[in-house]
Amino acid sequence: MECHSEFVEALENNALPYRTVARWVGKFQQGRVSNSDGQCSGQPLSVRTDLARAVIEQLMNEDRRSRQQVKTDRKTHN
């Protein structure tokens, strides 16, 4: 398949397997017009986004507290 050969030439060892490229080519030949993933079943995207946001906020708060503690420790020791 010419498409896979071009991937291998451009990406060498990082090229996708032949079967993956063949599957993509087949889907585009059947009328697929986008290479982005469609929505999957399972948890709605908004739930995962809310969870990710909460985790990130918690990590940022913990980081902020630890930075503040370092500043306090430096002032105490100087």
C-alpha atoms as a PDB file:
ATOM      1  CA  MET A   1       0.000   0.000   0.000  1.00  0.00           C
ATOM      2  CA  GLU A   2       1.550   3.266  -1.145  1.00  0.00           C
ATOM      3  CA  CYS A   3       0.132   5.241   1.778  1.00  0.00           C
ATOM      4  CA  HIS A   4       1.832   2.995   4.338  1.00  0.00           C
ATOM      5  CA  SER A   5       5.096   3.098   2.376  1.00  0.00           C
ATOM      6  CA  GLU A   6       5.036   6.895   2.583  1.00  0.00           C
ATOM      7  CA  PHE A   7       4.455   6.714   6.348  1.00  0.00           C
ATOM      8  CA  VAL A   8       7.421   4.363   6.741  1.00  0.00           C
ATOM      9  CA  GLU A   9       9.615   6.572   4.565  1.00  0.00           C
ATOM     10  CA  ALA A  10       8.709   9.686   6.543  1.00  0.00           C
ATOM     11  CA  LEU A  11       8.503   8.250  10.064  1.00  0.00           C
ATOM     12  CA  GLU A  12      10.791   5.200   9.866  1.00  0.00           C
ATOM     13  CA  ASN A  13      10.436   3.186  13.114  1.00  0.00           C
ATOM     14  CA  ASN A  14       7.676   5.486  14.377  1.00  0.00           C
ATOM     15  CA  ALA A  15       5.310   4.615  11.514  1.00  0.00           C
ATOM     16  CA  LEU A  16       1.989   3.017  12.333  1.00  0.00           C
ATOM     17  CA  PRO A  17       1.527  -0.679  11.555  1.00  0.00           C
ATOM     18  CA  TYR A  18       0.361  -1.595   8.062  1.00  0.00           C
ATOM     19  CA  ARG A  19      -2.978  -2.944   9.362  1.00  0.00           C
ATOM     20  CA  THR A  20      -3.775   0.359  11.109  1.00  0.00           C
ATOM     21  CA  VAL A  21      -3.088   2.385   7.991  1.00  0.00           C
ATOM     22  CA  ALA A  22      -5.083  -0.084   5.876  1.00  0.00           C
ATOM     23  CA  ARG A  23      -8.036   0.236   8.267  1.00  0.00           C
ATOM     24  CA  TRP A  24      -7.887   4.050   8.054  1.00  0.00           C
ATOM     25  CA  VAL A  25      -7.698   3.983   4.266  1.00  0.00           C
ATOM     26  CA  GLY A  26     -10.692   1.648   4.170  1.00  0.00           C
ATOM     27  CA  LYS A  27     -12.751   3.971   6.379  1.00  0.00           C
ATOM     28  CA  PHE A  28     -11.934   7.010   4.238  1.00  0.00           C
ATOM     29  CA  GLN A  29     -12.817   5.063   1.106  1.00  0.00           C
ATOM     30  CA  GLN A  30     -16.187   4.254   2.720  1.00  0.00           C
ATOM     31  CA  GLY A  31     -16.886   7.962   3.135  1.00  0.00           C
ATOM     32  CA  ARG A  32     -15.372   8.993   6.431  1.00  0.00           C
ATOM     33  CA  VAL A  33     -14.411  12.658   6.211  1.00  0.00           C
ATOM     34  CA  SER A  34     -12.619  13.273   9.517  1.00  0.00           C
ATOM     35  CA  ASN A  35      -9.641  11.769  11.276  1.00  0.00           C
ATOM     36  CA  SER A  36     -10.856  12.778  14.746  1.00  0.00           C
ATOM     37  CA  ASP A  37     -12.458  10.242  17.040  1.00  0.00           C
ATOM     38  CA  GLY A  38     -16.191  10.230  17.456  1.00  0.00           C
ATOM     39  CA  GLN A  39     -17.845  10.261  20.860  1.00  0.00           C
ATOM     40  CA  CYS A  40     -17.498   6.911  22.594  1.00  0.00           C
ATOM     41  CA  SER A  41     -19.931   5.224  24.912  1.00  0.00           C
ATOM     42  CA  GLY A  42     -19.267   5.387  28.640  1.00  0.00           C
ATOM     43  CA  GLN A  43     -19.051   8.412  30.873  1.00  0.00           C
ATOM     44  CA  PRO A  44     -20.095  11.634  29.192  1.00  0.00           C
ATOM     45  CA  LEU A  45     -17.225  13.903  28.277  1.00  0.00           C
ATOM     46  CA  SER A  46     -18.466  16.586  30.686  1.00  0.00           C
ATOM     47  CA  VAL A  47     -18.141  14.215  33.661  1.00  0.00           C
ATOM     48  CA  ARG A  48     -14.564  13.335  32.759  1.00  0.00           C
ATOM     49  CA  THR A  49     -13.788  17.016  32.190  1.00  0.00           C
ATOM     50  CA  ASP A  50     -15.247  17.983  35.566  1.00  0.00           C
ATOM     51  CA  LEU A  51     -13.252  15.245  37.275  1.00  0.00           C
ATOM     52  CA  ALA A  52     -10.049  16.286  35.498  1.00  0.00           C
ATOM     53  CA  ARG A  53     -10.669  19.921  36.426  1.00  0.00           C
ATOM     54  CA  ALA A  54     -11.167  18.987  40.089  1.00  0.00           C
ATOM     55  CA  VAL A  55      -7.973  16.938  40.160  1.00  0.00           C
ATOM     56  CA  ILE A  56      -5.978  19.722  38.491  1.00  0.00           C
ATOM     57  CA  GLU A  57      -7.364  22.324  40.899  1.00  0.00           C
ATOM     58  CA  GLN A  58      -6.436  20.135  43.858  1.00  0.00           C
ATOM     59  CA  LEU A  59      -2.891  19.635  42.556  1.00  0.00           C
ATOM     60  CA  MET A  60      -2.516  23.372  41.930  1.00  0.00           C
ATOM     61  CA  ASN A  61      -3.712  24.165  45.458  1.00  0.00           C
ATOM     62  CA  GLU A  62      -1.281  21.642  46.940  1.00  0.00           C
ATOM     63  CA  ASP A  63       1.545  23.097  44.845  1.00  0.00           C
ATOM     64  CA  ARG A  64       0.600  26.632  45.905  1.00  0.00           C
ATOM     65  CA  ARG A  65       0.647  25.600  49.581  1.00  0.00           C
ATOM     66  CA  SER A  66       4.026  23.884  49.222  1.00  0.00           C
ATOM     67  CA  ARG A  67       5.507  26.949  47.492  1.00  0.00           C
ATOM     68  CA  GLN A  68       4.146  29.152  50.252  1.00  0.00           C
ATOM     69  CA  GLN A  69       5.703  26.847  52.866  1.00  0.00           C
ATOM     70  CA  VAL A  70       9.092  27.062  51.113  1.00  0.00           C
ATOM     71  CA  LYS A  71       8.895  30.865  51.155  1.00  0.00           C
ATOM     72  CA  THR A  72       8.000  30.817  54.868  1.00  0.00           C
ATOM     73  CA  ASP A  73      10.860  28.422  55.635  1.00  0.00           C
ATOM     74  CA  ARG A  74      13.346  30.646  53.778  1.00  0.00           C
ATOM     75  CA  LYS A  75      12.228  33.718  55.712  1.00  0.00           C
ATOM     76  CA  THR A  76      12.506  31.835  59.014  1.00  0.00           C
ATOM     77  CA  HIS A  77      16.035  30.560  58.290  1.00  0.00           C
ATOM     78  CA  ASN A  78      17.424  33.924  57.100  1.00  0.00           C
END
